Amino acid sequence: MEFKDYYKILGVDPKADAAAVKKAYRQLARKTHPDLNPGKEAEEKFKAAAEAYEVLKDPERRAEYDELREHGGRRPGADFKPPPGWQSRNSGAQAEFGGDFSDFFNSMFGGGFNASGGSRSASGGFGMRGQDVEIEMPIFLEETLADTQKPVAYEIPMRDHSGMRSERKSLKVTIPAGTPDGGRVRVKGQGAPGSGDAPAGDLYLHVRLVPHPLFDVEGHNLLLTVPLAPWEAALGAKVTVPTLDGKISLTISPGSQAGQKLRVKGRGLARKGGRGDLFAILKVVMPPKGNSAADELWKELASGAAFDPRAQWGN
């Protein structure tokens, strides 16, 4: 199995803090997100970045990953094998991410099985309900706006005349529109088979929203930072901003302030009875240092405006 160097994928030092990891992911995701950069190569790079961030943003997963890395994952050209006992620390047989993340991620951080108790069957014999399967399912924000079918591949424990074995199972599962981060989708009877006349276990998908390079999520609302030139904030403007389902024109009022929030109704995530809102957060960005003519204009503005932004401080 190939070892994935998540620090190298994001271009950060292994000692980088959470803020640096998030910043690196945001920069890389913007360059490679399929919505902004069509093409198979960009899509694969984005998935790799999302997978790396999924592990490194979580302190517990990052600690486990660092242990794996110290175990030998940094050796170039070597086949990677986890340390002895790793399988048992990760809840037994490993479930997969429906083809969205790599085999390395699936085997190291995939879900496991939940044991189920035994019971008497309708015929009076003793049977045991099949084990449930737990899988984490990464979903893009764009995929939450409508019901989405996702391929899922996982392994279930089977018993036959030779003993216990694993069997691979594949199916397509519908993720309902508006399923939130951490939401759980149950697929009845798609877990491990039961013994005797007992029913099969269930498949549970735990939805994880893949971080977007432009939007932050706050409940069912989306937050988008909108950069403005100083003159756009001062004089007003119409700017084109992205949403999850197309671009819109946003009106900036004269005298707008940095940090001001503009609400765009119905452009957030799907929810019961409609959609949340999009909040555009204004950010004034200074242009790079210009020529002498531009500097003279700034000086003219400074002398003519008679404005002191720190006047409320007093003397």
C-alpha atoms as a PDB file:
ATOM      1  CA  MET A   1       0.000   0.000   0.000  1.00  0.00           C
ATOM      2  CA  GLU A   2       1.293   3.449  -0.911  1.00  0.00           C
ATOM      3  CA  PHE A   3       1.796   5.826   2.010  1.00  0.00           C
ATOM      4  CA  LYS A   4       0.195   9.263   1.595  1.00  0.00           C
ATOM      5  CA  ASP A   5       2.289  12.175   2.874  1.00  0.00           C
ATOM      6  CA  TYR A   6      -0.491  14.584   3.765  1.00  0.00           C
ATOM      7  CA  TYR A   7       1.934  17.298   4.853  1.00  0.00           C
ATOM      8  CA  LYS A   8       3.633  17.186   1.472  1.00  0.00           C
ATOM      9  CA  ILE A   9       0.279  17.230  -0.355  1.00  0.00           C
ATOM     10  CA  LEU A  10      -0.740  20.446   1.435  1.00  0.00           C
ATOM     11  CA  GLY A  11       2.779  21.861   1.336  1.00  0.00           C
ATOM     12  CA  VAL A  12       3.041  22.453   5.093  1.00  0.00           C
ATOM     13  CA  ASP A  13       5.608  21.597   7.720  1.00  0.00           C
ATOM     14  CA  PRO A  14       4.699  18.648   9.994  1.00  0.00           C
ATOM     15  CA  LYS A  15       4.839  21.085  12.938  1.00  0.00           C
ATOM     16  CA  ALA A  16       2.415  23.549  11.311  1.00  0.00           C
ATOM     17  CA  ASP A  17      -0.487  24.629  13.514  1.00  0.00           C
ATOM     18  CA  ALA A  18      -4.171  24.223  12.645  1.00  0.00           C
ATOM     19  CA  ALA A  19      -4.435  27.741  11.192  1.00  0.00           C
ATOM     20  CA  ALA A  20      -1.526  27.150   8.827  1.00  0.00           C
ATOM     21  CA  VAL A  21      -2.991  23.812   7.725  1.00  0.00           C
ATOM     22  CA  LYS A  22      -6.369  25.425   7.000  1.00  0.00           C
ATOM     23  CA  LYS A  23      -4.764  28.305   5.081  1.00  0.00           C
ATOM     24  CA  ALA A  24      -2.700  25.923   2.951  1.00  0.00           C
ATOM     25  CA  TYR A  25      -5.760  23.809   2.205  1.00  0.00           C
ATOM     26  CA  ARG A  26      -7.829  26.848   1.214  1.00  0.00           C
ATOM     27  CA  GLN A  27      -5.131  28.067  -1.177  1.00  0.00           C
ATOM     28  CA  LEU A  28      -4.656  24.653  -2.767  1.00  0.00           C
ATOM     29  CA  ALA A  29      -8.383  23.927  -2.950  1.00  0.00           C
ATOM     30  CA  ARG A  30      -9.067  27.168  -4.778  1.00  0.00           C
ATOM     31  CA  LYS A  31      -6.473  26.237  -7.409  1.00  0.00           C
ATOM     32  CA  THR A  32      -7.888  22.745  -7.923  1.00  0.00           C
ATOM     33  CA  HIS A  33     -11.629  22.777  -7.050  1.00  0.00           C
ATOM     34  CA  PRO A  34     -13.588  21.157  -9.931  1.00  0.00           C
ATOM     35  CA  ASP A  35     -16.068  24.058 -10.065  1.00  0.00           C
ATOM     36  CA  LEU A  36     -13.271  26.568 -10.613  1.00  0.00           C
ATOM     37  CA  ASN A  37     -10.846  24.397 -12.592  1.00  0.00           C
ATOM     38  CA  PRO A  38     -12.522  21.821 -14.855  1.00  0.00           C
ATOM     39  CA  GLY A  39     -10.507  18.728 -15.724  1.00  0.00           C
ATOM     40  CA  LYS A  40      -9.662  15.301 -14.336  1.00  0.00           C
ATOM     41  CA  GLU A  41      -6.192  16.304 -13.105  1.00  0.00           C
ATOM     42  CA  ALA A  42      -7.528  19.228 -11.059  1.00  0.00           C
ATOM     43  CA  GLU A  43     -10.281  17.006  -9.619  1.00  0.00           C
ATOM     44  CA  GLU A  44      -7.774  14.376  -8.459  1.00  0.00           C
ATOM     45  CA  LYS A  45      -5.557  17.028  -6.860  1.00  0.00           C
ATOM     46  CA  PHE A  46      -8.567  18.508  -5.084  1.00  0.00           C
ATOM     47  CA  LYS A  47      -9.592  15.118  -3.708  1.00  0.00           C
ATOM     48  CA  ALA A  48      -6.053  14.537  -2.463  1.00  0.00           C
ATOM     49  CA  ALA A  49      -6.042  17.941  -0.748  1.00  0.00           C
ATOM     50  CA  ALA A  50      -9.487  17.331   0.796  1.00  0.00           C
ATOM     51  CA  GLU A  51      -8.362  13.927   2.077  1.00  0.00           C
ATOM     52  CA  ALA A  52      -5.212  15.427   3.614  1.00  0.00           C
ATOM     53  CA  TYR A  53      -7.180  18.206   5.288  1.00  0.00           C
ATOM     54  CA  GLU A  54      -9.796  15.744   6.575  1.00  0.00           C
ATOM     55  CA  VAL A  55      -7.049  14.030   8.574  1.00  0.00           C
ATOM     56  CA  LEU A  56      -4.819  16.951   9.598  1.00  0.00           C
ATOM     57  CA  LYS A  57      -7.655  19.247  10.775  1.00  0.00           C
ATOM     58  CA  ASP A  58      -8.726  16.701  13.411  1.00  0.00           C
ATOM     59  CA  PRO A  59      -6.323  16.513  16.397  1.00  0.00           C
ATOM     60  CA  GLU A  60      -7.025  12.825  17.119  1.00  0.00           C
ATOM     61  CA  ARG A  61      -6.706  11.725  13.509  1.00  0.00           C
ATOM     62  CA  ARG A  62      -3.599  13.852  13.069  1.00  0.00           C
ATOM     63  CA  ALA A  63      -2.000  12.235  16.112  1.00  0.00           C
ATOM     64  CA  GLU A  64      -2.765   8.774  14.694  1.00  0.00           C
ATOM     65  CA  TYR A  65      -1.397   9.809  11.315  1.00  0.00           C
ATOM     66  CA  ASP A  66       1.811  11.182  12.869  1.00  0.00           C
ATOM     67  CA  GLU A  67       2.276   7.832  14.591  1.00  0.00           C
ATOM     68  CA  LEU A  68       1.920   6.060  11.250  1.00  0.00           C
ATOM     69  CA  ARG A  69       4.328   8.493   9.664  1.00  0.00           C
ATOM     70  CA  GLU A  70       6.936   7.875  12.352  1.00  0.00           C
ATOM     71  CA  HIS A  71       6.418   4.126  11.957  1.00  0.00           C
ATOM     72  CA  GLY A  72       7.934   4.219   8.508  1.00  0.00           C
ATOM     73  CA  GLY A  73       5.697   6.096   6.148  1.00  0.00           C
ATOM     74  CA  ARG A  74       8.453   8.557   5.297  1.00  0.00           C
ATOM     75  CA  ARG A  75      10.722   5.908   3.771  1.00  0.00           C
ATOM     76  CA  PRO A  76      10.707   6.471  -0.003  1.00  0.00           C
ATOM     77  CA  GLY A  77       9.901   3.517  -2.206  1.00  0.00           C
ATOM     78  CA  ALA A  78       8.937   1.184   0.630  1.00  0.00           C
ATOM     79  CA  ASP A  79       5.604  -0.623   0.812  1.00  0.00           C
ATOM     80  CA  PHE A  80       3.793   0.793   3.799  1.00  0.00           C
ATOM     81  CA  LYS A  81       2.369  -1.467   6.485  1.00  0.00           C
ATOM     82  CA  PRO A  82       0.710  -0.154   9.638  1.00  0.00           C
ATOM     83  CA  PRO A  83       2.175  -1.019  13.043  1.00  0.00           C
ATOM     84  CA  PRO A  84       1.103  -4.260  14.723  1.00  0.00           C
ATOM     85  CA  GLY A  85      -2.291  -3.932  16.365  1.00  0.00           C
ATOM     86  CA  TRP A  86      -3.402  -0.978  14.281  1.00  0.00           C
ATOM     87  CA  GLN A  87      -6.337  -2.925  12.825  1.00  0.00           C
ATOM     88  CA  SER A  88      -7.794  -3.583  16.248  1.00  0.00           C
ATOM     89  CA  ARG A  89      -7.462   0.065  17.262  1.00  0.00           C
ATOM     90  CA  ASN A  90      -9.638   1.017  14.304  1.00  0.00           C
ATOM     91  CA  SER A  91     -12.701  -1.098  15.155  1.00  0.00           C
ATOM     92  CA  GLY A  92     -12.005  -4.250  13.175  1.00  0.00           C
ATOM     93  CA  ALA A  93     -12.681  -4.661   9.475  1.00  0.00           C
ATOM     94  CA  GLN A  94     -12.453  -1.381   7.590  1.00  0.00           C
ATOM     95  CA  ALA A  95     -15.196   0.252   5.561  1.00  0.00           C
ATOM     96  CA  GLU A  96     -14.476   2.521   2.612  1.00  0.00           C
ATOM     97  CA  PHE A  97     -15.279   6.055   1.497  1.00  0.00           C
ATOM     98  CA  GLY A  98     -17.318   5.119  -1.534  1.00  0.00           C
ATOM     99  CA  GLY A  99     -14.394   5.604  -3.886  1.00  0.00           C
ATOM    100  CA  ASP A 100     -13.902   9.269  -2.980  1.00  0.00           C
ATOM    101  CA  PHE A 101     -10.752   8.911  -0.878  1.00  0.00           C
ATOM    102  CA  SER A 102      -7.678   6.727  -1.322  1.00  0.00           C
ATOM    103  CA  ASP A 103      -7.178   3.123  -0.220  1.00  0.00           C
ATOM    104  CA  PHE A 104      -4.618   4.412   2.298  1.00  0.00           C
ATOM    105  CA  PHE A 105      -7.246   6.612   3.976  1.00  0.00           C
ATOM    106  CA  ASN A 106      -9.876   3.889   3.871  1.00  0.00           C
ATOM    107  CA  SER A 107      -7.639   1.291   5.487  1.00  0.00           C
ATOM    108  CA  MET A 108      -6.190   3.629   8.111  1.00  0.00           C
ATOM    109  CA  PHE A 109      -9.203   5.764   9.051  1.00  0.00           C
ATOM    110  CA  GLY A 110     -12.299   4.051   7.649  1.00  0.00           C
ATOM    111  CA  GLY A 111     -15.274   3.056   9.772  1.00  0.00           C
ATOM    112  CA  GLY A 112     -15.797  -0.290  11.423  1.00  0.00           C
ATOM    113  CA  PHE A 113     -18.563  -2.644  12.404  1.00  0.00           C
ATOM    114  CA  ASN A 114     -20.858  -2.476  15.391  1.00  0.00           C
ATOM    115  CA  ALA A 115     -21.558  -5.754  17.106  1.00  0.00           C
ATOM    116  CA  SER A 116     -25.174  -6.870  17.514  1.00  0.00           C
ATOM    117  CA  GLY A 117     -26.657  -9.152  20.116  1.00  0.00           C
ATOM    118  CA  GLY A 118     -28.388 -12.492  19.540  1.00  0.00           C
ATOM    119  CA  SER A 119     -32.103 -13.264  19.769  1.00  0.00           C
ATOM    120  CA  ARG A 120     -34.554 -16.074  19.161  1.00  0.00           C
ATOM    121  CA  SER A 121     -35.956 -16.298  15.640  1.00  0.00           C
ATOM    122  CA  ALA A 122     -39.639 -16.709  14.727  1.00  0.00           C
ATOM    123  CA  SER A 123     -39.104 -20.460  14.351  1.00  0.00           C
ATOM    124  CA  GLY A 124     -37.820 -20.676  17.932  1.00  0.00           C
ATOM    125  CA  GLY A 125     -34.158 -21.238  17.059  1.00  0.00           C
ATOM    126  CA  PHE A 126     -31.357 -18.992  18.182  1.00  0.00           C
ATOM    127  CA  GLY A 127     -30.223 -16.421  15.625  1.00  0.00           C
ATOM    128  CA  MET A 128     -27.994 -13.384  15.693  1.00  0.00           C
ATOM    129  CA  ARG A 129     -28.749 -10.185  13.854  1.00  0.00           C
ATOM    130  CA  GLY A 130     -26.064  -9.177  11.386  1.00  0.00           C
ATOM    131  CA  GLN A 131     -23.511  -6.535  12.267  1.00  0.00           C
ATOM    132  CA  ASP A 132     -24.098  -2.905  11.325  1.00  0.00           C
ATOM    133  CA  VAL A 133     -21.574  -1.152   9.098  1.00  0.00           C
ATOM    134  CA  GLU A 134     -20.529   2.450   9.782  1.00  0.00           C
ATOM    135  CA  ILE A 135     -19.030   4.530   6.949  1.00  0.00           C
ATOM    136  CA  GLU A 136     -18.033   8.179   6.731  1.00  0.00           C
ATOM    137  CA  MET A 137     -19.197   9.702   3.445  1.00  0.00           C
ATOM    138  CA  PRO A 138     -17.545  12.912   2.146  1.00  0.00           C
ATOM    139  CA  ILE A 139     -19.968  15.164   0.256  1.00  0.00           C
ATOM    140  CA  PHE A 140     -19.284  18.371  -1.683  1.00  0.00           C
ATOM    141  CA  LEU A 141     -21.449  21.345  -0.703  1.00  0.00           C
ATOM    142  CA  GLU A 142     -22.854  21.474  -4.231  1.00  0.00           C
ATOM    143  CA  GLU A 143     -24.103  17.890  -3.832  1.00  0.00           C
ATOM    144  CA  THR A 144     -26.279  18.792  -0.832  1.00  0.00           C
ATOM    145  CA  LEU A 145     -28.656  21.006  -2.851  1.00  0.00           C
ATOM    146  CA  ALA A 146     -30.552  17.995  -4.256  1.00  0.00           C
ATOM    147  CA  ASP A 147     -30.851  14.267  -3.598  1.00  0.00           C
ATOM    148  CA  THR A 148     -27.526  12.760  -4.643  1.00  0.00           C
ATOM    149  CA  GLN A 149     -26.667   9.171  -5.516  1.00  0.00           C
ATOM    150  CA  LYS A 150     -23.227   8.092  -4.313  1.00  0.00           C
ATOM    151  CA  PRO A 151     -21.415   4.800  -4.989  1.00  0.00           C
ATOM    152  CA  VAL A 152     -20.395   2.965  -1.835  1.00  0.00           C
ATOM    153  CA  ALA A 153     -17.975   0.053  -1.562  1.00  0.00           C
ATOM    154  CA  TYR A 154     -17.266  -1.750   1.702  1.00  0.00           C
ATOM    155  CA  GLU A 155     -16.498  -5.140   3.207  1.00  0.00           C
ATOM    156  CA  ILE A 156     -18.754  -7.214   5.425  1.00  0.00           C
ATOM    157  CA  PRO A 157     -17.843 -10.238   7.555  1.00  0.00           C
ATOM    158  CA  MET A 158     -19.236 -13.552   6.293  1.00  0.00           C
ATOM    159  CA  ARG A 159     -19.226 -17.031   7.808  1.00  0.00           C
ATOM    160  CA  ASP A 160     -19.118 -20.201   5.705  1.00  0.00           C
ATOM    161  CA  HIS A 161     -17.905 -23.798   6.110  1.00  0.00           C
ATOM    162  CA  SER A 162     -14.286 -22.632   6.218  1.00  0.00           C
ATOM    163  CA  GLY A 163     -14.854 -20.025   8.908  1.00  0.00           C
ATOM    164  CA  MET A 164     -14.951 -16.227   8.801  1.00  0.00           C
ATOM    165  CA  ARG A 165     -14.091 -14.275   5.683  1.00  0.00           C
ATOM    166  CA  SER A 166     -14.733 -10.826   4.225  1.00  0.00           C
ATOM    167  CA  GLU A 167     -16.907 -10.100   1.243  1.00  0.00           C
ATOM    168  CA  ARG A 168     -16.836  -6.891  -0.756  1.00  0.00           C
ATOM    169  CA  LYS A 169     -20.159  -5.190  -1.359  1.00  0.00           C
ATOM    170  CA  SER A 170     -21.009  -2.303  -3.693  1.00  0.00           C
ATOM    171  CA  LEU A 171     -24.189  -0.307  -4.107  1.00  0.00           C
ATOM    172  CA  LYS A 172     -25.527   3.167  -4.794  1.00  0.00           C
ATOM    173  CA  VAL A 173     -27.028   5.134  -1.923  1.00  0.00           C
ATOM    174  CA  THR A 174     -29.179   8.255  -2.085  1.00  0.00           C
ATOM    175  CA  ILE A 175     -28.071  11.091   0.202  1.00  0.00           C
ATOM    176  CA  PRO A 176     -31.165  13.279   0.821  1.00  0.00           C
ATOM    177  CA  ALA A 177     -30.888  16.982  -0.028  1.00  0.00           C
ATOM    178  CA  GLY A 178     -29.979  19.117   2.971  1.00  0.00           C
ATOM    179  CA  THR A 179     -28.258  16.369   4.961  1.00  0.00           C
ATOM    180  CA  PRO A 180     -26.000  18.339   7.349  1.00  0.00           C
ATOM    181  CA  ASP A 181     -22.421  17.723   8.320  1.00  0.00           C
ATOM    182  CA  GLY A 182     -22.475  14.828  10.785  1.00  0.00           C
ATOM    183  CA  GLY A 183     -25.911  13.722   9.599  1.00  0.00           C
ATOM    184  CA  ARG A 184     -26.562   9.980   9.451  1.00  0.00           C
ATOM    185  CA  VAL A 185     -28.236   8.089   6.614  1.00  0.00           C
ATOM    186  CA  ARG A 186     -29.517   4.568   7.336  1.00  0.00           C
ATOM    187  CA  VAL A 187     -29.732   1.915   4.617  1.00  0.00           C
ATOM    188  CA  LYS A 188     -31.733  -0.937   6.101  1.00  0.00           C
ATOM    189  CA  GLY A 189     -30.528  -4.509   5.644  1.00  0.00           C
ATOM    190  CA  GLN A 190     -27.279  -3.658   3.846  1.00  0.00           C
ATOM    191  CA  GLY A 191     -24.954  -4.632   6.680  1.00  0.00           C
ATOM    192  CA  ALA A 192     -23.621  -8.098   7.453  1.00  0.00           C
ATOM    193  CA  PRO A 193     -26.063 -11.027   7.100  1.00  0.00           C
ATOM    194  CA  GLY A 194     -27.623 -12.462  10.230  1.00  0.00           C
ATOM    195  CA  SER A 195     -27.347 -16.050  11.375  1.00  0.00           C
ATOM    196  CA  GLY A 196     -30.296 -18.393  11.456  1.00  0.00           C
ATOM    197  CA  ASP A 197     -33.472 -16.532  10.651  1.00  0.00           C
ATOM    198  CA  ALA A 198     -32.216 -13.258  12.119  1.00  0.00           C
ATOM    199  CA  PRO A 199     -32.181 -10.189   9.847  1.00  0.00           C
ATOM    200  CA  ALA A 200     -29.115  -8.541   8.304  1.00  0.00           C
ATOM    201  CA  GLY A 201     -27.567  -5.512   9.925  1.00  0.00           C
ATOM    202  CA  ASP A 202     -27.873  -1.986   8.549  1.00  0.00           C
ATOM    203  CA  LEU A 203     -25.492   0.334   6.733  1.00  0.00           C
ATOM    204  CA  TYR A 204     -25.026   3.772   8.316  1.00  0.00           C
ATOM    205  CA  LEU A 205     -23.467   6.622   6.350  1.00  0.00           C
ATOM    206  CA  HIS A 206     -22.063   9.512   8.394  1.00  0.00           C
ATOM    207  CA  VAL A 207     -22.007  12.571   6.148  1.00  0.00           C
ATOM    208  CA  ARG A 208     -18.942  14.818   6.246  1.00  0.00           C
ATOM    209  CA  LEU A 209     -19.082  18.046   4.229  1.00  0.00           C
ATOM    210  CA  VAL A 210     -15.850  18.566   2.297  1.00  0.00           C
ATOM    211  CA  PRO A 211     -14.478  22.065   3.084  1.00  0.00           C
ATOM    212  CA  HIS A 212     -15.031  24.474   0.198  1.00  0.00           C
ATOM    213  CA  PRO A 213     -12.274  26.878  -0.950  1.00  0.00           C
ATOM    214  CA  LEU A 214     -14.666  29.861  -0.960  1.00  0.00           C
ATOM    215  CA  PHE A 215     -17.563  29.205   1.417  1.00  0.00           C
ATOM    216  CA  ASP A 216     -17.705  28.628   5.162  1.00  0.00           C
ATOM    217  CA  VAL A 217     -20.726  26.819   6.628  1.00  0.00           C
ATOM    218  CA  GLU A 218     -22.752  28.161   9.542  1.00  0.00           C
ATOM    219  CA  GLY A 219     -25.759  25.923  10.087  1.00  0.00           C
ATOM    220  CA  HIS A 220     -27.680  26.081   6.800  1.00  0.00           C
ATOM    221  CA  ASN A 221     -26.136  29.440   5.914  1.00  0.00           C
ATOM    222  CA  LEU A 222     -23.021  30.105   3.850  1.00  0.00           C
ATOM    223  CA  LEU A 223     -20.400  32.787   4.484  1.00  0.00           C
ATOM    224  CA  LEU A 224     -18.427  34.265   1.591  1.00  0.00           C
ATOM    225  CA  THR A 225     -15.651  36.856   1.911  1.00  0.00           C
ATOM    226  CA  VAL A 226     -15.969  39.430  -0.903  1.00  0.00           C
ATOM    227  CA  PRO A 227     -12.794  41.464  -1.600  1.00  0.00           C
ATOM    228  CA  LEU A 228     -13.420  45.115  -2.589  1.00  0.00           C
ATOM    229  CA  ALA A 229     -11.154  47.852  -3.868  1.00  0.00           C
ATOM    230  CA  PRO A 230     -11.227  50.989  -1.644  1.00  0.00           C
ATOM    231  CA  TRP A 231     -13.071  52.985  -4.305  1.00  0.00           C
ATOM    232  CA  GLU A 232     -15.722  50.261  -4.661  1.00  0.00           C
ATOM    233  CA  ALA A 233     -16.430  50.468  -0.935  1.00  0.00           C
ATOM    234  CA  ALA A 234     -16.426  54.285  -0.995  1.00  0.00           C
ATOM    235  CA  LEU A 235     -18.422  54.924  -4.175  1.00  0.00           C
ATOM    236  CA  GLY A 236     -20.515  51.767  -4.409  1.00  0.00           C
ATOM    237  CA  ALA A 237     -20.401  49.143  -7.129  1.00  0.00           C
ATOM    238  CA  LYS A 238     -21.994  46.060  -8.600  1.00  0.00           C
ATOM    239  CA  VAL A 239     -19.775  42.994  -8.255  1.00  0.00           C
ATOM    240  CA  THR A 240     -20.241  39.440  -9.497  1.00  0.00           C
ATOM    241  CA  VAL A 241     -20.033  36.845  -6.725  1.00  0.00           C
ATOM    242  CA  PRO A 242     -20.200  33.029  -6.861  1.00  0.00           C
ATOM    243  CA  THR A 243     -22.862  30.870  -5.236  1.00  0.00           C
ATOM    244  CA  LEU A 244     -23.217  27.088  -5.126  1.00  0.00           C
ATOM    245  CA  ASP A 245     -25.516  27.183  -8.147  1.00  0.00           C
ATOM    246  CA  GLY A 246     -24.273  30.019 -10.342  1.00  0.00           C
ATOM    247  CA  LYS A 247     -23.065  33.616 -10.147  1.00  0.00           C
ATOM    248  CA  ILE A 248     -25.127  36.615  -9.051  1.00  0.00           C
ATOM    249  CA  SER A 249     -24.707  40.386  -9.115  1.00  0.00           C
ATOM    250  CA  LEU A 250     -24.292  41.965  -5.670  1.00  0.00           C
ATOM    251  CA  THR A 251     -24.939  45.670  -5.071  1.00  0.00           C
ATOM    252  CA  ILE A 252     -22.384  47.420  -2.869  1.00  0.00           C
ATOM    253  CA  SER A 253     -23.770  50.620  -1.339  1.00  0.00           C
ATOM    254  CA  PRO A 254     -21.594  53.780  -1.214  1.00  0.00           C
ATOM    255  CA  GLY A 255     -19.702  54.068   2.067  1.00  0.00           C
ATOM    256  CA  SER A 256     -19.702  50.325   2.794  1.00  0.00           C
ATOM    257  CA  GLN A 257     -17.475  49.223   5.662  1.00  0.00           C
ATOM    258  CA  ALA A 258     -15.027  46.326   5.940  1.00  0.00           C
ATOM    259  CA  GLY A 259     -16.619  43.450   7.860  1.00  0.00           C
ATOM    260  CA  GLN A 260     -20.142  44.461   6.853  1.00  0.00           C
ATOM    261  CA  LYS A 261     -22.452  41.517   6.061  1.00  0.00           C
ATOM    262  CA  LEU A 262     -24.836  41.548   3.117  1.00  0.00           C
ATOM    263  CA  ARG A 263     -27.593  38.921   3.189  1.00  0.00           C
ATOM    264  CA  VAL A 264     -28.625  37.106   0.019  1.00  0.00           C
ATOM    265  CA  LYS A 265     -31.792  35.153   0.813  1.00  0.00           C
ATOM    266  CA  GLY A 266     -32.186  31.551  -0.335  1.00  0.00           C
ATOM    267  CA  ARG A 267     -28.642  30.992  -1.588  1.00  0.00           C
ATOM    268  CA  GLY A 268     -27.406  28.864   1.315  1.00  0.00           C
ATOM    269  CA  LEU A 269     -27.677  25.122   1.917  1.00  0.00           C
ATOM    270  CA  ALA A 270     -30.874  23.136   1.465  1.00  0.00           C
ATOM    271  CA  ARG A 271     -33.081  22.646   4.502  1.00  0.00           C
ATOM    272  CA  LYS A 272     -36.650  21.644   5.254  1.00  0.00           C
ATOM    273  CA  GLY A 273     -38.958  24.142   3.616  1.00  0.00           C
ATOM    274  CA  GLY A 274     -36.353  25.902   1.489  1.00  0.00           C
ATOM    275  CA  ARG A 275     -32.750  26.996   1.708  1.00  0.00           C
ATOM    276  CA  GLY A 276     -30.595  28.966   4.095  1.00  0.00           C
ATOM    277  CA  ASP A 277     -29.017  32.303   3.199  1.00  0.00           C
ATOM    278  CA  LEU A 278     -25.692  33.460   1.823  1.00  0.00           C
ATOM    279  CA  PHE A 279     -23.898  36.167   3.804  1.00  0.00           C
ATOM    280  CA  ALA A 280     -21.347  38.203   1.848  1.00  0.00           C
ATOM    281  CA  ILE A 281     -18.721  39.622   4.215  1.00  0.00           C
ATOM    282  CA  LEU A 282     -17.033  42.696   2.751  1.00  0.00           C
ATOM    283  CA  LYS A 283     -13.247  42.954   2.887  1.00  0.00           C
ATOM    284  CA  VAL A 284     -11.480  46.093   1.640  1.00  0.00           C
ATOM    285  CA  VAL A 285      -8.241  45.182  -0.113  1.00  0.00           C
ATOM    286  CA  MET A 286      -5.539  47.740  -0.893  1.00  0.00           C
ATOM    287  CA  PRO A 287      -4.059  47.630  -4.406  1.00  0.00           C
ATOM    288  CA  PRO A 288      -0.336  46.935  -4.761  1.00  0.00           C
ATOM    289  CA  LYS A 289       1.920  49.988  -4.527  1.00  0.00           C
ATOM    290  CA  GLY A 290       1.365  52.001  -7.678  1.00  0.00           C
ATOM    291  CA  ASN A 291       3.277  54.683  -9.534  1.00  0.00           C
ATOM    292  CA  SER A 292       3.890  58.285  -8.501  1.00  0.00           C
ATOM    293  CA  ALA A 293       0.670  59.471 -10.171  1.00  0.00           C
ATOM    294  CA  ALA A 294      -1.378  57.036  -8.076  1.00  0.00           C
ATOM    295  CA  ASP A 295       0.463  58.136  -4.935  1.00  0.00           C
ATOM    296  CA  GLU A 296      -0.422  61.782  -5.655  1.00  0.00           C
ATOM    297  CA  LEU A 297      -4.095  60.841  -5.908  1.00  0.00           C
ATOM    298  CA  TRP A 298      -3.956  59.138  -2.513  1.00  0.00           C
ATOM    299  CA  LYS A 299      -2.302  62.246  -1.031  1.00  0.00           C
ATOM    300  CA  GLU A 300      -4.986  64.451  -2.562  1.00  0.00           C
ATOM    301  CA  LEU A 301      -7.676  62.244  -1.057  1.00  0.00           C
ATOM    302  CA  ALA A 302      -5.984  62.302   2.346  1.00  0.00           C
ATOM    303  CA  SER A 303      -5.790  66.092   2.435  1.00  0.00           C
ATOM    304  CA  GLY A 304      -9.293  66.686   1.088  1.00  0.00           C
ATOM    305  CA  ALA A 305     -11.229  64.075   3.037  1.00  0.00           C
ATOM    306  CA  ALA A 306     -10.545  65.519   6.518  1.00  0.00           C
ATOM    307  CA  PHE A 307     -11.280  62.095   7.972  1.00  0.00           C
ATOM    308  CA  ASP A 308      -9.757  60.591  11.098  1.00  0.00           C
ATOM    309  CA  PRO A 309     -10.735  56.913  11.563  1.00  0.00           C
ATOM    310  CA  ARG A 310      -9.424  57.007  15.138  1.00  0.00           C
ATOM    311  CA  ALA A 311     -11.247  60.151  16.276  1.00  0.00           C
ATOM    312  CA  GLN A 312     -13.344  58.173  18.781  1.00  0.00           C
ATOM    313  CA  TRP A 313     -10.192  57.359  20.740  1.00  0.00           C
ATOM    314  CA  GLY A 314     -10.009  60.949  22.006  1.00  0.00           C
ATOM    315  CA  ASN A 315      -6.818  62.773  22.864  1.00  0.00           C
END
